[in-house]
Amino acid sequence: MTATSRPSPAATPSGDAARRAGKRVLLAAPRGYCAGVDRAVIAVEKALEQYGAPIYVRHEIVHNKYVVRTLEKKGAIFVEETAEVPEGSIVMFSAHGVAPVVHQEAADRRLATIDATCPLVTKVHKEAVRFAEEDYDILLIGHDGHEEVIGTSGEAPDHITLVDGPDDVAHVEVRDESKVVWLSQTTLSVDETMETVGALKEKFPQLISPPSDDICYATQNRQIAVKQMGADADLVIVVGSKNSSNSVRLVEVALGAGAGASHLVDGADEIDEAWLDGVSTVGVTSGASVPEILVEGVLEWLSQRGFEDVEIVKAAEESITFSLPKELRRDLRAEAAALSEK
């Protein structure tokens, strides 16, 4: 754990007293945007620059209210279903991925498409297709109704069974216990996933694992950092939206690591000052779809209440980047116009 200083307003007498009382913030690193989210958000911005508004996006591009509102102001229109997109328009698929049927729906409506699916989610989709072709029963560990789970399940619906946690295992049935594999939603808690895998292996001893971990590197790194700070924090504030699976998991991980309390907030305006009663150490982190400006707002809010000393809790270095969707190198407005004429 290394110490760092951050700019803050001039100290007030109450701030000096707070420092003497030992108030501090543990700031997780890494936190916030992962490579897949960064790619998806930039893809919407680039599409708006290249093709002009509107750009339709099927579902939230990432699960964060601030990001969605910001992109809406720039000309993005978020829709729930492909049928809401006017024929001859451009539609982008979110970072969570979509099932093959959605691609077909877009083709039927003569839409030009941009696929902003996170490459790590695409990897899971390809694994599902490959194991289905080899006639495996695929046990997909994930949360029912999550967009990523819906997209992955759609790749091989006749071969995939959803397992929503260890309690689901008792109800799982397979055709051939010698041909069973597990895959998982990328944004789950590592511990939760491995608990489910352990229960599945007890029931199906020949269960095989995917060729590489499906839990996203960014999800793992953010959870490791929270585990490191959890035991030392009286309170952990996780910045993220309630529909962000990886953000919700960070709250659970913080509590599991020994934090006195943990709360999920979209921004500083949702923090309850009563949470600070009796608190000397506050941990701060953010989900993988959260821009840093929201974390800065929380740090400023805490600073104004005497929590000016910030220590970085560093779990890993992240240098992964993903190239933008290839569709951004084409004239999609021309393609959409041509499709609408067919």
Protein backbone atom coordinates (compact mmCIF):
# COMPACT_ATOMS: atom_id res chain seq x y z
CA MET A 1 0.00 0.00 0.00
CA THR A 2 1.56 3.29 -1.01
CA ALA A 3 0.59 6.79 0.06
CA THR A 4 -0.27 9.58 -2.30
CA SER A 5 -1.46 13.15 -2.01
CA ARG A 6 -4.25 14.73 -3.99
CA PRO A 7 -5.11 18.39 -4.52
CA SER A 8 -7.76 19.57 -2.09
CA PRO A 9 -9.28 22.82 -0.94
CA ALA A 10 -7.32 24.84 1.61
CA ALA A 11 -7.44 23.14 4.99
CA THR A 12 -9.97 24.43 7.46
CA PRO A 13 -9.66 24.15 11.25
CA SER A 14 -12.14 21.28 11.18
CA GLY A 15 -10.05 19.59 8.45
CA ASP A 16 -6.88 19.88 10.57
CA ALA A 17 -8.69 18.36 13.50
CA ALA A 18 -9.93 15.54 11.27
CA ARG A 19 -6.40 14.70 10.16
CA ARG A 20 -5.25 14.57 13.78
CA ALA A 21 -8.11 12.16 14.39
CA GLY A 22 -6.63 9.85 11.74
CA LYS A 23 -9.29 10.08 9.07
CA ARG A 24 -8.17 8.58 5.75
CA VAL A 25 -9.36 7.19 2.44
CA LEU A 26 -8.18 3.93 0.89
CA LEU A 27 -8.51 4.31 -2.88
CA ALA A 28 -8.58 1.12 -4.94
CA ALA A 29 -6.37 0.70 -7.98
CA PRO A 30 -7.34 -0.39 -10.52
CA ARG A 31 -10.90 0.88 -10.54
CA GLY A 32 -13.36 2.29 -13.07
CA TYR A 33 -13.32 1.78 -16.82
CA CYS A 34 -12.06 -1.53 -18.14
CA ALA A 35 -10.81 -1.89 -21.71
CA GLY A 36 -14.13 -3.26 -22.98
CA VAL A 37 -16.15 -0.37 -21.53
CA ASP A 38 -13.66 2.21 -22.76
CA ARG A 39 -13.90 0.71 -26.25
CA ALA A 40 -17.70 0.72 -26.22
CA VAL A 41 -18.08 4.31 -25.00
CA ILE A 42 -15.49 5.61 -27.49
CA ALA A 43 -17.27 3.64 -30.24
CA VAL A 44 -20.52 5.55 -29.61
CA GLU A 45 -18.68 8.88 -29.54
CA LYS A 46 -16.77 8.08 -32.76
CA ALA A 47 -19.94 6.92 -34.51
CA LEU A 48 -21.66 10.20 -33.62
CA GLU A 49 -18.65 12.15 -34.92
CA GLN A 50 -18.42 10.18 -38.16
CA TYR A 51 -22.05 9.66 -39.04
CA GLY A 52 -23.89 12.30 -37.05
CA ALA A 53 -26.89 11.86 -34.80
CA PRO A 54 -28.88 9.88 -34.21
CA ILE A 55 -26.99 6.68 -33.47
CA TYR A 56 -29.31 4.06 -32.00
CA VAL A 57 -27.94 1.79 -29.28
CA ARG A 58 -29.71 -1.43 -28.33
CA HIS A 59 -29.83 -1.43 -24.53
CA GLU A 60 -27.50 0.69 -22.43
CA ILE A 61 -24.04 0.69 -24.03
CA VAL A 62 -22.68 0.03 -20.52
CA HIS A 63 -24.50 -0.13 -17.19
CA ASN A 64 -23.93 3.38 -15.89
CA LYS A 65 -26.53 6.15 -15.63
CA TYR A 66 -24.04 9.01 -16.02
CA VAL A 67 -22.50 7.54 -19.16
CA VAL A 68 -25.90 6.89 -20.74
CA ARG A 69 -27.16 10.41 -19.99
CA THR A 70 -23.95 11.96 -21.34
CA LEU A 71 -24.19 10.02 -24.61
CA GLU A 72 -27.88 10.85 -24.96
CA LYS A 73 -27.00 14.55 -24.82
CA LYS A 74 -24.58 13.97 -27.72
CA GLY A 75 -27.24 12.30 -29.88
CA ALA A 76 -27.33 8.62 -28.94
CA ILE A 77 -30.79 7.06 -28.65
CA PHE A 78 -31.04 4.00 -26.42
CA VAL A 79 -33.74 1.46 -27.22
CA GLU A 80 -34.77 -1.83 -25.65
CA GLU A 81 -35.61 -3.72 -28.83
CA THR A 82 -34.31 -3.73 -32.40
CA ALA A 83 -37.88 -3.14 -33.64
CA GLU A 84 -37.72 0.40 -32.19
CA VAL A 85 -34.94 1.40 -34.62
CA PRO A 86 -36.23 3.00 -37.86
CA GLU A 87 -35.34 1.10 -41.02
CA GLY A 88 -32.27 2.41 -42.77
CA SER A 89 -30.67 3.60 -39.51
CA ILE A 90 -27.45 2.70 -37.70
CA VAL A 91 -27.73 0.60 -34.56
CA MET A 92 -24.96 -0.31 -32.14
CA PHE A 93 -24.95 -3.42 -29.95
CA SER A 94 -23.83 -2.88 -26.37
CA ALA A 95 -20.70 -4.14 -24.64
CA HIS A 96 -22.71 -7.00 -23.09
CA GLY A 97 -23.25 -8.72 -26.44
CA VAL A 98 -26.36 -9.99 -28.19
CA ALA A 99 -27.68 -13.33 -29.40
CA PRO A 100 -27.53 -14.28 -33.11
CA VAL A 101 -31.27 -13.67 -33.40
CA VAL A 102 -30.67 -9.97 -32.72
CA HIS A 103 -28.22 -9.74 -35.61
CA GLN A 104 -30.88 -11.34 -37.79
CA GLU A 105 -33.51 -8.87 -36.55
CA ALA A 106 -31.22 -6.01 -37.57
CA ALA A 107 -30.69 -7.52 -41.01
CA ASP A 108 -34.45 -7.98 -41.45
CA ARG A 109 -34.99 -4.29 -40.63
CA ARG A 110 -32.24 -3.24 -43.07
CA LEU A 111 -30.11 -1.67 -40.36
CA ALA A 112 -26.41 -0.94 -40.55
CA THR A 113 -24.84 -2.35 -37.39
CA ILE A 114 -21.86 -1.63 -35.16
CA ASP A 115 -20.96 -4.43 -32.76
CA ALA A 116 -19.42 -2.99 -29.58
CA THR A 117 -19.49 -6.32 -27.71
CA CYS A 118 -16.54 -6.60 -25.33
CA PRO A 119 -13.98 -8.98 -26.88
CA LEU A 120 -13.90 -10.98 -23.64
CA VAL A 121 -17.65 -11.56 -23.92
CA THR A 122 -17.19 -12.51 -27.57
CA LYS A 123 -14.66 -15.11 -26.40
CA VAL A 124 -17.33 -16.72 -24.19
CA HIS A 125 -19.79 -16.68 -27.12
CA LYS A 126 -17.26 -18.51 -29.30
CA GLU A 127 -16.63 -21.07 -26.57
CA ALA A 128 -20.37 -21.70 -26.31
CA VAL A 129 -20.63 -22.26 -30.07
CA ARG A 130 -17.63 -24.59 -30.13
CA PHE A 131 -18.79 -26.75 -27.21
CA ALA A 132 -22.31 -26.91 -28.65
CA GLU A 133 -20.89 -28.11 -31.98
CA GLU A 134 -19.10 -30.85 -30.02
CA ASP A 135 -22.47 -31.73 -28.43
CA TYR A 136 -21.56 -30.79 -24.85
CA ASP A 137 -24.09 -29.76 -22.26
CA ILE A 138 -23.01 -26.24 -21.27
CA LEU A 139 -23.67 -25.04 -17.74
CA LEU A 140 -23.63 -21.25 -17.87
CA ILE A 141 -23.01 -19.69 -14.47
CA GLY A 142 -24.68 -16.29 -14.34
CA HIS A 143 -27.64 -14.22 -13.27
CA ASP A 144 -30.99 -14.82 -14.90
CA GLY A 145 -32.06 -11.89 -17.07
CA HIS A 146 -28.66 -10.23 -17.34
CA GLU A 147 -28.02 -9.02 -20.90
CA GLU A 148 -24.72 -10.86 -21.16
CA VAL A 149 -26.34 -14.13 -20.10
CA ILE A 150 -29.17 -13.65 -22.60
CA GLY A 151 -26.67 -13.04 -25.40
CA THR A 152 -24.47 -16.04 -24.55
CA SER A 153 -27.45 -18.36 -24.09
CA GLY A 154 -28.72 -17.35 -27.51
CA GLU A 155 -25.61 -18.77 -29.17
CA ALA A 156 -26.63 -22.34 -28.30
CA PRO A 157 -30.03 -22.38 -26.59
CA ASP A 158 -30.49 -26.15 -26.97
CA HIS A 159 -27.21 -26.89 -25.19
CA ILE A 160 -27.06 -24.23 -22.45
CA THR A 161 -28.51 -24.48 -18.95
CA LEU A 162 -28.31 -21.42 -16.71
CA VAL A 163 -26.96 -21.99 -13.20
CA ASP A 164 -27.74 -18.96 -11.04
CA GLY A 165 -25.53 -19.73 -8.04
CA PRO A 166 -24.80 -22.79 -5.87
CA ASP A 167 -28.44 -23.21 -4.83
CA ASP A 168 -29.37 -23.91 -8.46
CA VAL A 169 -27.05 -26.90 -8.77
CA ALA A 170 -29.44 -29.45 -7.24
CA HIS A 171 -31.90 -28.87 -10.10
CA VAL A 172 -29.38 -29.20 -12.95
CA GLU A 173 -29.72 -32.22 -15.24
CA VAL A 174 -27.51 -33.22 -18.17
CA ARG A 175 -27.74 -35.80 -20.94
CA ASP A 176 -24.25 -37.29 -20.56
CA GLU A 177 -22.13 -36.65 -17.46
CA SER A 178 -18.96 -37.29 -19.47
CA LYS A 179 -19.67 -34.32 -21.77
CA VAL A 180 -20.35 -31.36 -19.52
CA VAL A 181 -18.55 -28.00 -19.45
CA TRP A 182 -19.08 -24.82 -17.46
CA LEU A 183 -18.86 -21.25 -18.74
CA SER A 184 -19.67 -18.05 -16.88
CA GLN A 185 -20.85 -14.49 -17.09
CA THR A 186 -17.71 -12.33 -17.12
CA THR A 187 -18.77 -9.88 -14.39
CA LEU A 188 -19.45 -12.24 -11.49
CA SER A 189 -17.67 -12.46 -8.17
CA VAL A 190 -14.73 -14.84 -8.55
CA ASP A 191 -15.49 -16.44 -5.18
CA GLU A 192 -19.18 -16.88 -5.99
CA THR A 193 -18.36 -18.46 -9.34
CA MET A 194 -15.84 -20.90 -7.90
CA GLU A 195 -18.30 -21.88 -5.16
CA THR A 196 -20.82 -22.75 -7.88
CA VAL A 197 -18.15 -24.61 -9.88
CA GLY A 198 -17.24 -26.61 -6.77
CA ALA A 199 -20.86 -27.63 -6.24
CA LEU A 200 -21.19 -28.59 -9.92
CA LYS A 201 -18.03 -30.73 -9.77
CA GLU A 202 -19.40 -32.58 -6.76
CA LYS A 203 -22.48 -33.46 -8.78
CA PHE A 204 -20.68 -33.96 -12.10
CA PRO A 205 -17.11 -35.18 -11.38
CA GLN A 206 -16.20 -35.18 -15.08
CA LEU A 207 -17.18 -31.52 -15.52
CA ILE A 208 -14.54 -29.70 -17.56
CA SER A 209 -13.52 -26.06 -17.33
CA PRO A 210 -13.25 -23.57 -20.19
CA PRO A 211 -9.79 -23.22 -21.77
CA SER A 212 -9.27 -19.91 -19.96
CA ASP A 213 -10.94 -18.11 -17.07
CA ASP A 214 -14.17 -16.46 -18.19
CA ILE A 215 -14.20 -13.98 -15.31
CA CYS A 216 -12.94 -10.74 -16.84
CA TYR A 217 -9.43 -9.65 -15.81
CA ALA A 218 -10.82 -6.23 -14.80
CA THR A 219 -13.51 -7.78 -12.61
CA GLN A 220 -10.88 -9.89 -10.86
CA ASN A 221 -8.46 -7.00 -10.35
CA ARG A 222 -11.13 -4.72 -8.89
CA GLN A 223 -12.28 -7.45 -6.53
CA ILE A 224 -8.70 -8.17 -5.39
CA ALA A 225 -8.14 -4.49 -4.57
CA VAL A 226 -11.36 -4.38 -2.55
CA LYS A 227 -10.36 -7.53 -0.67
CA GLN A 228 -7.06 -5.88 0.23
CA MET A 229 -8.75 -2.78 1.63
CA GLY A 230 -11.85 -4.40 3.09
CA ALA A 231 -10.46 -5.54 6.44
CA ASP A 232 -9.01 -2.07 7.10
CA ALA A 233 -12.10 -0.07 6.11
CA ASP A 234 -14.92 0.92 8.41
CA LEU A 235 -16.90 1.82 5.29
CA VAL A 236 -16.44 1.04 1.59
CA ILE A 237 -18.15 3.24 -0.97
CA VAL A 238 -18.55 1.61 -4.38
CA VAL A 239 -19.34 4.01 -7.20
CA GLY A 240 -21.58 2.35 -9.78
CA SER A 241 -25.16 1.91 -10.95
CA LYS A 242 -27.50 -0.64 -9.43
CA ASN A 243 -27.89 -2.52 -12.73
CA SER A 244 -24.12 -2.98 -12.99
CA SER A 245 -23.41 -6.57 -12.00
CA ASN A 246 -19.69 -6.04 -11.36
CA SER A 247 -20.41 -2.98 -9.19
CA VAL A 248 -22.94 -4.87 -7.07
CA ARG A 249 -20.40 -7.66 -6.65
CA LEU A 250 -17.82 -5.18 -5.30
CA VAL A 251 -20.17 -4.31 -2.43
CA GLU A 252 -20.51 -8.01 -1.63
CA VAL A 253 -16.75 -8.56 -1.85
CA ALA A 254 -16.07 -5.61 0.48
CA LEU A 255 -18.42 -6.99 3.12
CA GLY A 256 -16.97 -10.47 2.71
CA ALA A 257 -13.47 -9.06 3.21
CA GLY A 258 -14.43 -7.55 6.56
CA ALA A 259 -15.55 -3.99 5.80
CA GLY A 260 -17.76 -2.57 8.51
CA ALA A 261 -20.28 -1.43 5.91
CA SER A 262 -20.45 -0.98 2.15
CA HIS A 263 -22.78 1.01 -0.08
CA LEU A 264 -23.31 1.40 -3.83
CA VAL A 265 -23.83 4.96 -5.10
CA ASP A 266 -24.09 6.52 -8.54
CA GLY A 267 -22.26 9.59 -7.29
CA ALA A 268 -21.43 11.76 -4.30
CA ASP A 269 -24.98 13.13 -4.09
CA GLU A 270 -26.22 9.70 -3.00
CA ILE A 271 -23.88 9.38 0.00
CA ASP A 272 -25.60 9.57 3.36
CA GLU A 273 -23.52 11.59 5.82
CA ALA A 274 -24.79 9.34 8.61
CA TRP A 275 -22.65 6.55 7.12
CA LEU A 276 -19.57 8.40 8.44
CA ASP A 277 -20.64 8.18 12.10
CA GLY A 278 -17.78 6.52 13.98
CA VAL A 279 -15.82 5.97 10.76
CA SER A 280 -12.10 6.75 10.48
CA THR A 281 -11.20 4.78 7.32
CA VAL A 282 -13.26 4.88 4.12
CA GLY A 283 -12.50 2.64 1.15
CA VAL A 284 -13.43 3.95 -2.29
CA THR A 285 -13.63 2.04 -5.55
CA SER A 286 -15.75 1.98 -8.71
CA GLY A 287 -17.23 -0.53 -11.08
CA ALA A 288 -15.80 -1.25 -14.52
CA SER A 289 -18.33 1.01 -16.28
CA VAL A 290 -17.75 4.10 -14.11
CA PRO A 291 -15.92 7.20 -15.40
CA GLU A 292 -13.25 8.64 -13.08
CA ILE A 293 -15.06 11.98 -12.77
CA LEU A 294 -17.62 10.29 -10.51
CA VAL A 295 -14.90 8.93 -8.22
CA GLU A 296 -13.30 12.39 -8.08
CA GLY A 297 -16.66 13.76 -6.94
CA VAL A 298 -16.79 11.24 -4.08
CA LEU A 299 -13.21 12.06 -3.01
CA GLU A 300 -14.03 15.75 -2.99
CA TRP A 301 -17.17 15.11 -0.92
CA LEU A 302 -15.11 13.11 1.60
CA SER A 303 -12.34 15.72 1.64
CA GLN A 304 -14.82 18.39 2.63
CA ARG A 305 -15.70 16.24 5.65
CA GLY A 306 -12.13 15.76 6.84
CA PHE A 307 -11.12 12.69 4.82
CA GLU A 308 -8.26 14.41 2.98
CA ASP A 309 -5.47 11.83 3.33
CA VAL A 310 -5.66 9.29 0.49
CA GLU A 311 -3.74 6.02 0.27
CA ILE A 312 -3.71 3.93 -2.90
CA VAL A 313 -4.41 0.21 -2.53
CA LYS A 314 -2.87 -1.24 -5.67
CA ALA A 315 -3.78 -4.74 -6.78
CA ALA A 316 -2.51 -4.82 -10.37
CA GLU A 317 -1.31 -2.87 -13.37
CA GLU A 318 -3.67 -2.79 -16.34
CA SER A 319 -2.39 -2.09 -19.84
CA ILE A 320 -4.91 -3.99 -21.98
CA THR A 321 -6.59 -2.06 -24.80
CA PHE A 322 -8.97 -3.20 -27.53
CA SER A 323 -9.21 -1.84 -31.05
CA LEU A 324 -12.45 -0.11 -32.02
CA PRO A 325 -15.17 -2.04 -33.91
CA LYS A 326 -14.19 -2.57 -37.53
CA GLU A 327 -17.51 -1.12 -38.69
CA LEU A 328 -16.25 2.36 -37.78
CA ARG A 329 -13.87 2.13 -40.73
CA ARG A 330 -16.78 1.99 -43.21
CA ASP A 331 -19.35 4.46 -44.49
CA LEU A 332 -22.30 3.12 -42.53
CA ARG A 333 -24.69 5.89 -43.54
CA ALA A 334 -24.23 4.87 -47.17
CA GLU A 335 -24.67 1.21 -46.22
CA ALA A 336 -27.86 1.99 -44.29
CA ALA A 337 -29.26 3.95 -47.24
CA ALA A 338 -28.44 1.11 -49.63
CA LEU A 339 -30.07 -1.44 -47.34
CA SER A 340 -33.24 0.63 -47.02
CA GLU A 341 -33.58 0.69 -50.83
CA LYS A 342 -33.55 -3.09 -51.15
